[in-house]
Amino acid sequence: TFNLRSATTQYGNYLLGTVTGTDAFGQVSTFAGARPTGVPATLAATSGAFFLVPNGSGGAAFATATPSRAGVTADYYWNNNAARVIQPQSNRTNVFASGEFDLNDRITVFADASLYQAQSVTYREPDGITQSTDGFIIVPASNPYNPFGDRFWSPTGAANADGTPRLTGTPSAVSITNKRLSDLATRTDYVDTSVYRGVVGLRGKLSGSWSWEAALLYSAG
C-alpha cells in the first residue's frame, strides 16, 4: 500500500529551544533546540522536538517521534489532492474568418484572421512553511499564545500578575519547523490566454503550369 501524502502537515512539527544567533538584519540565524527544565518527556523529546498529531476523536495530541503514516496519525500528513483538480475550469473562445478577392483573372488577394482566448481557474493547497526553505520562524517565550512561554511556565511556578497559575519549568521559544497553513484559504490560480493570428497575401498564376503565392503572417500571444 502506498501513502503518497505530503510530508507537510496542518498539525505541525515544532522545536523548543533558544535563539542563539541573528544576522545583520536581525533575522534568526541559529536556534539551539532542547527540552526545557520542567517540561515532561511526554510533551517533547530531549532535542526539544515535538509534533501535534490527530488523536482519532477530532482533537490533537502531543507526540515526540515522527508520526506513523498508518492508523489515526495518518491524517497528520497533508493530502494535496484534496485541494487540487485534475482538469481546471476553463472557458474558451475561438473566432476565425477568411476571405479572398480576385484582382483580375491571374491575381487573387487573400486574408484570414483568428483569435483564441481562454480563461482558466485551478486550485492548490494552502501554502506551507518549513525551516529548510523558509528559515527560522520563531514564536518567542514572551508571546502569550506560546504554550511553552512565560504565560504558562515559570522557573519557580509563581502565578502571573493577574493571578492565573503557571507550571513550574523554564519558559521556551518555539521554532515552527513544518506547518501547512490550513487556516488560510485554498490558493487559486487564474490563467488568461489570448492568441492572435493574421495572414494577408497574394497568389497568382504564371505562364504554363506554374503558380505563385506570397503572404505576410503576424501572430501574438
C-alpha atoms as a PDB file:
ATOM      1  CA  THR A   1       0.000   0.000   0.000  1.00  0.00           C
ATOM      2  CA  PHE A   2       1.358   3.402  -0.992  1.00  0.00           C
ATOM      3  CA  ASN A   3       0.760   6.535   1.025  1.00  0.00           C
ATOM      4  CA  LEU A   4       1.639   9.470  -1.185  1.00  0.00           C
ATOM      5  CA  ARG A   5       0.550  12.206   1.211  1.00  0.00           C
ATOM      6  CA  SER A   6       2.775  15.253   1.519  1.00  0.00           C
ATOM      7  CA  ALA A   7       5.423  15.423   4.222  1.00  0.00           C
ATOM      8  CA  THR A   8       3.966  18.772   5.276  1.00  0.00           C
ATOM      9  CA  THR A   9       1.277  18.829   7.930  1.00  0.00           C
ATOM     10  CA  GLN A  10      -1.582  21.004   9.078  1.00  0.00           C
ATOM     11  CA  TYR A  11      -0.891  19.924  12.674  1.00  0.00           C
ATOM     12  CA  GLY A  12       2.721  20.998  12.833  1.00  0.00           C
ATOM     13  CA  ASN A  13       6.235  19.947  13.749  1.00  0.00           C
ATOM     14  CA  TYR A  14       7.951  22.199  16.291  1.00  0.00           C
ATOM     15  CA  LEU A  15      11.178  22.637  18.228  1.00  0.00           C
ATOM     16  CA  LEU A  16      11.615  24.062  21.721  1.00  0.00           C
ATOM     17  CA  GLY A  17      14.806  25.956  22.462  1.00  0.00           C
ATOM     18  CA  THR A  18      16.618  29.254  22.461  1.00  0.00           C
ATOM     19  CA  VAL A  19      17.626  31.741  19.775  1.00  0.00           C
ATOM     20  CA  THR A  20      21.437  31.731  19.744  1.00  0.00           C
ATOM     21  CA  GLY A  21      22.240  34.000  16.822  1.00  0.00           C
ATOM     22  CA  THR A  22      20.874  36.636  14.449  1.00  0.00           C
ATOM     23  CA  ASP A  23      22.181  38.028  11.173  1.00  0.00           C
ATOM     24  CA  ALA A  24      22.898  41.639  10.208  1.00  0.00           C
ATOM     25  CA  PHE A  25      19.208  42.200   9.516  1.00  0.00           C
ATOM     26  CA  GLY A  26      18.058  40.899  12.876  1.00  0.00           C
ATOM     27  CA  GLN A  27      16.754  37.638  11.449  1.00  0.00           C
ATOM     28  CA  VAL A  28      17.273  34.467  13.460  1.00  0.00           C
ATOM     29  CA  SER A  29      20.261  32.561  12.071  1.00  0.00           C
ATOM     30  CA  THR A  30      20.768  29.849  14.696  1.00  0.00           C
ATOM     31  CA  PHE A  31      18.444  28.169  17.160  1.00  0.00           C
ATOM     32  CA  ALA A  32      19.526  25.679  19.826  1.00  0.00           C
ATOM     33  CA  GLY A  33      16.861  23.050  20.378  1.00  0.00           C
ATOM     34  CA  ALA A  34      16.472  21.409  23.786  1.00  0.00           C
ATOM     35  CA  ARG A  35      13.671  20.332  26.093  1.00  0.00           C
ATOM     36  CA  PRO A  36      13.482  22.960  28.856  1.00  0.00           C
ATOM     37  CA  THR A  37      13.723  22.097  32.524  1.00  0.00           C
ATOM     38  CA  GLY A  38      10.338  21.090  33.888  1.00  0.00           C
ATOM     39  CA  VAL A  39       8.726  20.166  30.574  1.00  0.00           C
ATOM     40  CA  PRO A  40       7.729  16.470  30.715  1.00  0.00           C
ATOM     41  CA  ALA A  41       9.249  13.956  28.301  1.00  0.00           C
ATOM     42  CA  THR A  42       5.697  13.172  27.139  1.00  0.00           C
ATOM     43  CA  LEU A  43       5.445  16.655  25.600  1.00  0.00           C
ATOM     44  CA  ALA A  44       8.832  16.997  23.894  1.00  0.00           C
ATOM     45  CA  ALA A  45      11.873  14.909  23.051  1.00  0.00           C
ATOM     46  CA  THR A  46      15.257  15.626  24.632  1.00  0.00           C
ATOM     47  CA  SER A  47      16.128  17.569  21.476  1.00  0.00           C
ATOM     48  CA  GLY A  48      13.108  19.798  22.067  1.00  0.00           C
ATOM     49  CA  ALA A  49      11.212  18.405  19.079  1.00  0.00           C
ATOM     50  CA  PHE A  50       7.516  17.714  19.328  1.00  0.00           C
ATOM     51  CA  PHE A  51       4.621  17.063  16.991  1.00  0.00           C
ATOM     52  CA  LEU A  52       0.930  17.775  17.204  1.00  0.00           C
ATOM     53  CA  VAL A  53      -0.900  14.738  15.833  1.00  0.00           C
ATOM     54  CA  PRO A  54      -4.555  13.772  15.338  1.00  0.00           C
ATOM     55  CA  ASN A  55      -5.891  11.774  18.280  1.00  0.00           C
ATOM     56  CA  GLY A  56      -8.688   9.977  16.434  1.00  0.00           C
ATOM     57  CA  SER A  57     -11.533  11.879  18.098  1.00  0.00           C
ATOM     58  CA  GLY A  58     -11.305  15.210  16.303  1.00  0.00           C
ATOM     59  CA  GLY A  59      -8.628  16.699  18.540  1.00  0.00           C
ATOM     60  CA  ALA A  60      -4.858  16.736  18.710  1.00  0.00           C
ATOM     61  CA  ALA A  61      -2.240  15.220  20.976  1.00  0.00           C
ATOM     62  CA  PHE A  62       1.486  15.646  21.592  1.00  0.00           C
ATOM     63  CA  ALA A  63       3.998  13.210  20.114  1.00  0.00           C
ATOM     64  CA  THR A  64       7.774  13.129  20.459  1.00  0.00           C
ATOM     65  CA  ALA A  65       8.576  10.926  17.448  1.00  0.00           C
ATOM     66  CA  THR A  66       7.754  11.161  13.746  1.00  0.00           C
ATOM     67  CA  PRO A  67       4.090  10.126  13.365  1.00  0.00           C
ATOM     68  CA  SER A  68       3.199   6.910  11.585  1.00  0.00           C
ATOM     69  CA  ARG A  69       1.582   7.033   8.154  1.00  0.00           C
ATOM     70  CA  ALA A  70      -0.833   4.328   9.317  1.00  0.00           C
ATOM     71  CA  GLY A  71      -3.611   4.411  11.882  1.00  0.00           C
ATOM     72  CA  VAL A  72      -5.044   7.546  13.469  1.00  0.00           C
ATOM     73  CA  THR A  73      -1.900   9.591  12.827  1.00  0.00           C
ATOM     74  CA  ALA A  74      -2.082   9.103   9.043  1.00  0.00           C
ATOM     75  CA  ASP A  75      -4.011  12.378   8.773  1.00  0.00           C
ATOM     76  CA  TYR A  76      -1.012  14.188  10.232  1.00  0.00           C
ATOM     77  CA  TYR A  77       0.325  14.158   6.659  1.00  0.00           C
ATOM     78  CA  TRP A  78      -1.344  16.596   4.299  1.00  0.00           C
ATOM     79  CA  ASN A  79      -3.290  15.213   1.334  1.00  0.00           C
ATOM     80  CA  ASN A  80      -2.514  17.619  -1.515  1.00  0.00           C
ATOM     81  CA  ASN A  81      -5.085  16.010  -3.796  1.00  0.00           C
ATOM     82  CA  ALA A  82      -7.941  17.153  -1.561  1.00  0.00           C
ATOM     83  CA  ALA A  83      -7.328  20.733  -2.689  1.00  0.00           C
ATOM     84  CA  ARG A  84      -6.401  20.133  -6.331  1.00  0.00           C
ATOM     85  CA  VAL A  85      -8.326  19.483  -9.522  1.00  0.00           C
ATOM     86  CA  ILE A  86      -7.425  17.099 -12.342  1.00  0.00           C
ATOM     87  CA  GLN A  87      -8.652  19.485 -15.022  1.00  0.00           C
ATOM     88  CA  PRO A  88      -9.016  23.239 -14.458  1.00  0.00           C
ATOM     89  CA  GLN A  89     -12.276  25.011 -15.067  1.00  0.00           C
ATOM     90  CA  SER A  90     -11.894  26.733 -18.449  1.00  0.00           C
ATOM     91  CA  ASN A  91     -13.870  28.955 -20.787  1.00  0.00           C
ATOM     92  CA  ARG A  92     -12.563  29.074 -24.347  1.00  0.00           C
ATOM     93  CA  THR A  93     -13.437  31.175 -27.387  1.00  0.00           C
ATOM     94  CA  ASN A  94     -12.258  30.636 -30.970  1.00  0.00           C
ATOM     95  CA  VAL A  95     -13.034  33.019 -33.823  1.00  0.00           C
ATOM     96  CA  PHE A  96     -11.825  32.529 -37.406  1.00  0.00           C
ATOM     97  CA  ALA A  97     -12.534  34.466 -40.572  1.00  0.00           C
ATOM     98  CA  SER A  98     -11.089  34.287 -44.078  1.00  0.00           C
ATOM     99  CA  GLY A  99     -11.721  35.855 -47.446  1.00  0.00           C
ATOM    100  CA  GLU A 100     -10.263  36.375 -50.888  1.00  0.00           C
ATOM    101  CA  PHE A 101     -10.786  38.709 -53.796  1.00  0.00           C
ATOM    102  CA  ASP A 102      -9.827  38.321 -57.447  1.00  0.00           C
ATOM    103  CA  LEU A 103      -7.988  41.401 -58.609  1.00  0.00           C
ATOM    104  CA  ASN A 104      -8.048  40.017 -62.125  1.00  0.00           C
ATOM    105  CA  ASP A 105      -8.087  36.639 -63.798  1.00  0.00           C
ATOM    106  CA  ARG A 106      -4.493  35.950 -62.755  1.00  0.00           C
ATOM    107  CA  ILE A 107      -4.029  37.535 -59.253  1.00  0.00           C
ATOM    108  CA  THR A 108      -6.031  36.946 -56.067  1.00  0.00           C
ATOM    109  CA  VAL A 109      -5.625  38.710 -52.746  1.00  0.00           C
ATOM    110  CA  PHE A 110      -6.497  36.675 -49.650  1.00  0.00           C
ATOM    111  CA  ALA A 111      -6.550  37.139 -45.899  1.00  0.00           C
ATOM    112  CA  ASP A 112      -7.518  35.275 -42.776  1.00  0.00           C
ATOM    113  CA  ALA A 113      -7.591  36.152 -39.095  1.00  0.00           C
ATOM    114  CA  SER A 114      -8.101  34.111 -35.960  1.00  0.00           C
ATOM    115  CA  LEU A 115      -8.486  34.784 -32.256  1.00  0.00           C
ATOM    116  CA  TYR A 116      -8.203  32.315 -29.376  1.00  0.00           C
ATOM    117  CA  GLN A 117      -8.996  33.300 -25.814  1.00  0.00           C
ATOM    118  CA  ALA A 118      -9.188  31.162 -22.675  1.00  0.00           C
ATOM    119  CA  GLN A 119      -9.771  31.820 -19.012  1.00  0.00           C
ATOM    120  CA  SER A 120      -8.854  29.008 -16.629  1.00  0.00           C
ATOM    121  CA  VAL A 121      -9.182  28.625 -12.883  1.00  0.00           C
ATOM    122  CA  THR A 122      -7.377  25.989 -10.861  1.00  0.00           C
ATOM    123  CA  TYR A 123      -6.856  25.391  -7.163  1.00  0.00           C
ATOM    124  CA  ARG A 124      -3.946  24.394  -4.966  1.00  0.00           C
ATOM    125  CA  GLU A 125      -3.467  23.512  -1.332  1.00  0.00           C
ATOM    126  CA  PRO A 126      -2.869  26.321   1.212  1.00  0.00           C
ATOM    127  CA  ASP A 127       0.712  27.473   1.486  1.00  0.00           C
ATOM    128  CA  GLY A 128       3.102  25.735   3.852  1.00  0.00           C
ATOM    129  CA  ILE A 129       6.264  26.675   5.701  1.00  0.00           C
ATOM    130  CA  THR A 130       9.338  24.627   6.524  1.00  0.00           C
ATOM    131  CA  GLN A 131      12.541  25.658   8.233  1.00  0.00           C
ATOM    132  CA  SER A 132      14.645  24.204   5.417  1.00  0.00           C
ATOM    133  CA  THR A 133      13.092  26.511   2.798  1.00  0.00           C
ATOM    134  CA  ASP A 134      11.753  29.466   4.784  1.00  0.00           C
ATOM    135  CA  GLY A 135      14.322  29.826   7.552  1.00  0.00           C
ATOM    136  CA  PHE A 136      13.572  30.114  11.236  1.00  0.00           C
ATOM    137  CA  ILE A 137      10.039  31.119  12.201  1.00  0.00           C
ATOM    138  CA  ILE A 138      10.122  31.720  15.936  1.00  0.00           C
ATOM    139  CA  VAL A 139       7.340  32.179  18.471  1.00  0.00           C
ATOM    140  CA  PRO A 140       9.166  33.850  21.392  1.00  0.00           C
ATOM    141  CA  ALA A 141       8.618  32.899  25.012  1.00  0.00           C
ATOM    142  CA  SER A 142       7.026  36.312  25.562  1.00  0.00           C
ATOM    143  CA  ASN A 143       4.219  35.562  23.094  1.00  0.00           C
ATOM    144  CA  PRO A 144       1.031  34.930  25.134  1.00  0.00           C
ATOM    145  CA  TYR A 145      -0.084  32.289  22.608  1.00  0.00           C
ATOM    146  CA  ASN A 146       3.080  30.236  23.072  1.00  0.00           C
ATOM    147  CA  PRO A 147       2.001  27.275  25.261  1.00  0.00           C
ATOM    148  CA  PHE A 148       5.604  26.875  26.464  1.00  0.00           C
ATOM    149  CA  GLY A 149       6.164  30.579  27.086  1.00  0.00           C
ATOM    150  CA  ASP A 150       6.153  32.956  30.045  1.00  0.00           C
ATOM    151  CA  ARG A 151       2.378  32.964  30.251  1.00  0.00           C
ATOM    152  CA  PHE A 152       2.195  29.289  31.187  1.00  0.00           C
ATOM    153  CA  TRP A 153       5.596  28.450  32.713  1.00  0.00           C
ATOM    154  CA  SER A 154       7.739  29.922  35.479  1.00  0.00           C
ATOM    155  CA  PRO A 155      11.050  28.612  36.869  1.00  0.00           C
ATOM    156  CA  THR A 156       9.534  28.866  40.351  1.00  0.00           C
ATOM    157  CA  GLY A 157       5.930  28.105  39.455  1.00  0.00           C
ATOM    158  CA  ALA A 158       4.863  31.607  40.504  1.00  0.00           C
ATOM    159  CA  ALA A 159       1.489  32.812  39.279  1.00  0.00           C
ATOM    160  CA  ASN A 160       1.065  35.514  36.665  1.00  0.00           C
ATOM    161  CA  ALA A 161       0.484  39.094  37.749  1.00  0.00           C
ATOM    162  CA  ASP A 162      -3.235  38.623  37.102  1.00  0.00           C
ATOM    163  CA  GLY A 163      -3.303  35.624  39.420  1.00  0.00           C
ATOM    164  CA  THR A 164      -3.592  32.911  36.777  1.00  0.00           C
ATOM    165  CA  PRO A 165      -1.459  29.881  37.648  1.00  0.00           C
ATOM    166  CA  ARG A 166       1.694  28.739  35.859  1.00  0.00           C
ATOM    167  CA  LEU A 167       3.505  25.432  35.674  1.00  0.00           C
ATOM    168  CA  THR A 168       6.985  25.023  37.122  1.00  0.00           C
ATOM    169  CA  GLY A 169       9.553  24.985  34.337  1.00  0.00           C
ATOM    170  CA  THR A 170      11.750  27.133  32.140  1.00  0.00           C
ATOM    171  CA  PRO A 171       9.823  29.159  29.521  1.00  0.00           C
ATOM    172  CA  SER A 172      10.928  28.430  25.965  1.00  0.00           C
ATOM    173  CA  ALA A 173      10.718  29.844  22.476  1.00  0.00           C
ATOM    174  CA  VAL A 174       9.187  27.619  19.793  1.00  0.00           C
ATOM    175  CA  SER A 175      10.549  27.215  16.270  1.00  0.00           C
ATOM    176  CA  ILE A 176       7.960  26.184  13.669  1.00  0.00           C
ATOM    177  CA  THR A 177       9.816  23.649  11.545  1.00  0.00           C
ATOM    178  CA  ASN A 178       6.937  22.289   9.445  1.00  0.00           C
ATOM    179  CA  LYS A 179       3.390  23.615   9.145  1.00  0.00           C
ATOM    180  CA  ARG A 180       0.764  23.655   6.420  1.00  0.00           C
ATOM    181  CA  LEU A 181      -1.197  26.891   6.900  1.00  0.00           C
ATOM    182  CA  SER A 182      -4.622  25.273   6.694  1.00  0.00           C
ATOM    183  CA  ASP A 183      -6.285  28.329   8.257  1.00  0.00           C
ATOM    184  CA  LEU A 184      -5.550  30.174   5.028  1.00  0.00           C
ATOM    185  CA  ALA A 185      -7.781  29.779   2.012  1.00  0.00           C
ATOM    186  CA  THR A 186      -7.016  27.359  -0.790  1.00  0.00           C
ATOM    187  CA  ARG A 187      -4.734  29.048  -3.310  1.00  0.00           C
ATOM    188  CA  THR A 188      -6.498  29.992  -6.540  1.00  0.00           C
ATOM    189  CA  ASP A 189      -4.614  30.415  -9.819  1.00  0.00           C
ATOM    190  CA  TYR A 190      -6.156  32.347 -12.702  1.00  0.00           C
ATOM    191  CA  VAL A 191      -4.701  31.958 -16.181  1.00  0.00           C
ATOM    192  CA  ASP A 192      -5.780  34.220 -19.059  1.00  0.00           C
ATOM    193  CA  THR A 193      -4.543  33.323 -22.520  1.00  0.00           C
ATOM    194  CA  SER A 194      -5.016  35.221 -25.777  1.00  0.00           C
ATOM    195  CA  VAL A 195      -3.535  34.303 -29.163  1.00  0.00           C
ATOM    196  CA  TYR A 196      -3.941  36.432 -32.286  1.00  0.00           C
ATOM    197  CA  ARG A 197      -3.059  35.436 -35.833  1.00  0.00           C
ATOM    198  CA  GLY A 198      -3.431  37.283 -39.129  1.00  0.00           C
ATOM    199  CA  VAL A 199      -2.374  36.494 -42.704  1.00  0.00           C
ATOM    200  CA  VAL A 200      -2.604  38.636 -45.815  1.00  0.00           C
ATOM    201  CA  GLY A 201      -1.176  37.686 -49.172  1.00  0.00           C
ATOM    202  CA  LEU A 202      -1.360  37.381 -52.915  1.00  0.00           C
ATOM    203  CA  ARG A 203      -1.460  34.370 -55.165  1.00  0.00           C
ATOM    204  CA  GLY A 204      -1.446  34.077 -58.895  1.00  0.00           C
ATOM    205  CA  LYS A 205      -0.559  32.121 -61.985  1.00  0.00           C
ATOM    206  CA  LEU A 206       2.426  32.317 -64.240  1.00  0.00           C
ATOM    207  CA  SER A 207       2.570  31.150 -67.773  1.00  0.00           C
ATOM    208  CA  GLY A 208       2.174  27.442 -68.271  1.00  0.00           C
ATOM    209  CA  SER A 209       1.559  25.267 -65.177  1.00  0.00           C
ATOM    210  CA  TRP A 210       3.417  27.471 -62.651  1.00  0.00           C
ATOM    211  CA  SER A 211       1.683  29.341 -59.819  1.00  0.00           C
ATOM    212  CA  TRP A 212       2.978  31.559 -57.013  1.00  0.00           C
ATOM    213  CA  GLU A 213       1.921  32.759 -53.580  1.00  0.00           C
ATOM    214  CA  ALA A 214       3.334  35.276 -51.109  1.00  0.00           C
ATOM    215  CA  ALA A 215       1.949  36.227 -47.715  1.00  0.00           C
ATOM    216  CA  LEU A 216       2.664  38.155 -44.542  1.00  0.00           C
ATOM    217  CA  LEU A 217       1.932  36.408 -41.250  1.00  0.00           C
ATOM    218  CA  TYR A 218       1.606  38.036 -37.836  1.00  0.00           C
ATOM    219  CA  SER A 219       0.850  36.234 -34.596  1.00  0.00           C
ATOM    220  CA  ALA A 220       0.996  37.179 -30.942  1.00  0.00           C
ATOM    221  CA  GLY A 221       0.020  35.529 -27.714  1.00  0.00           C
END
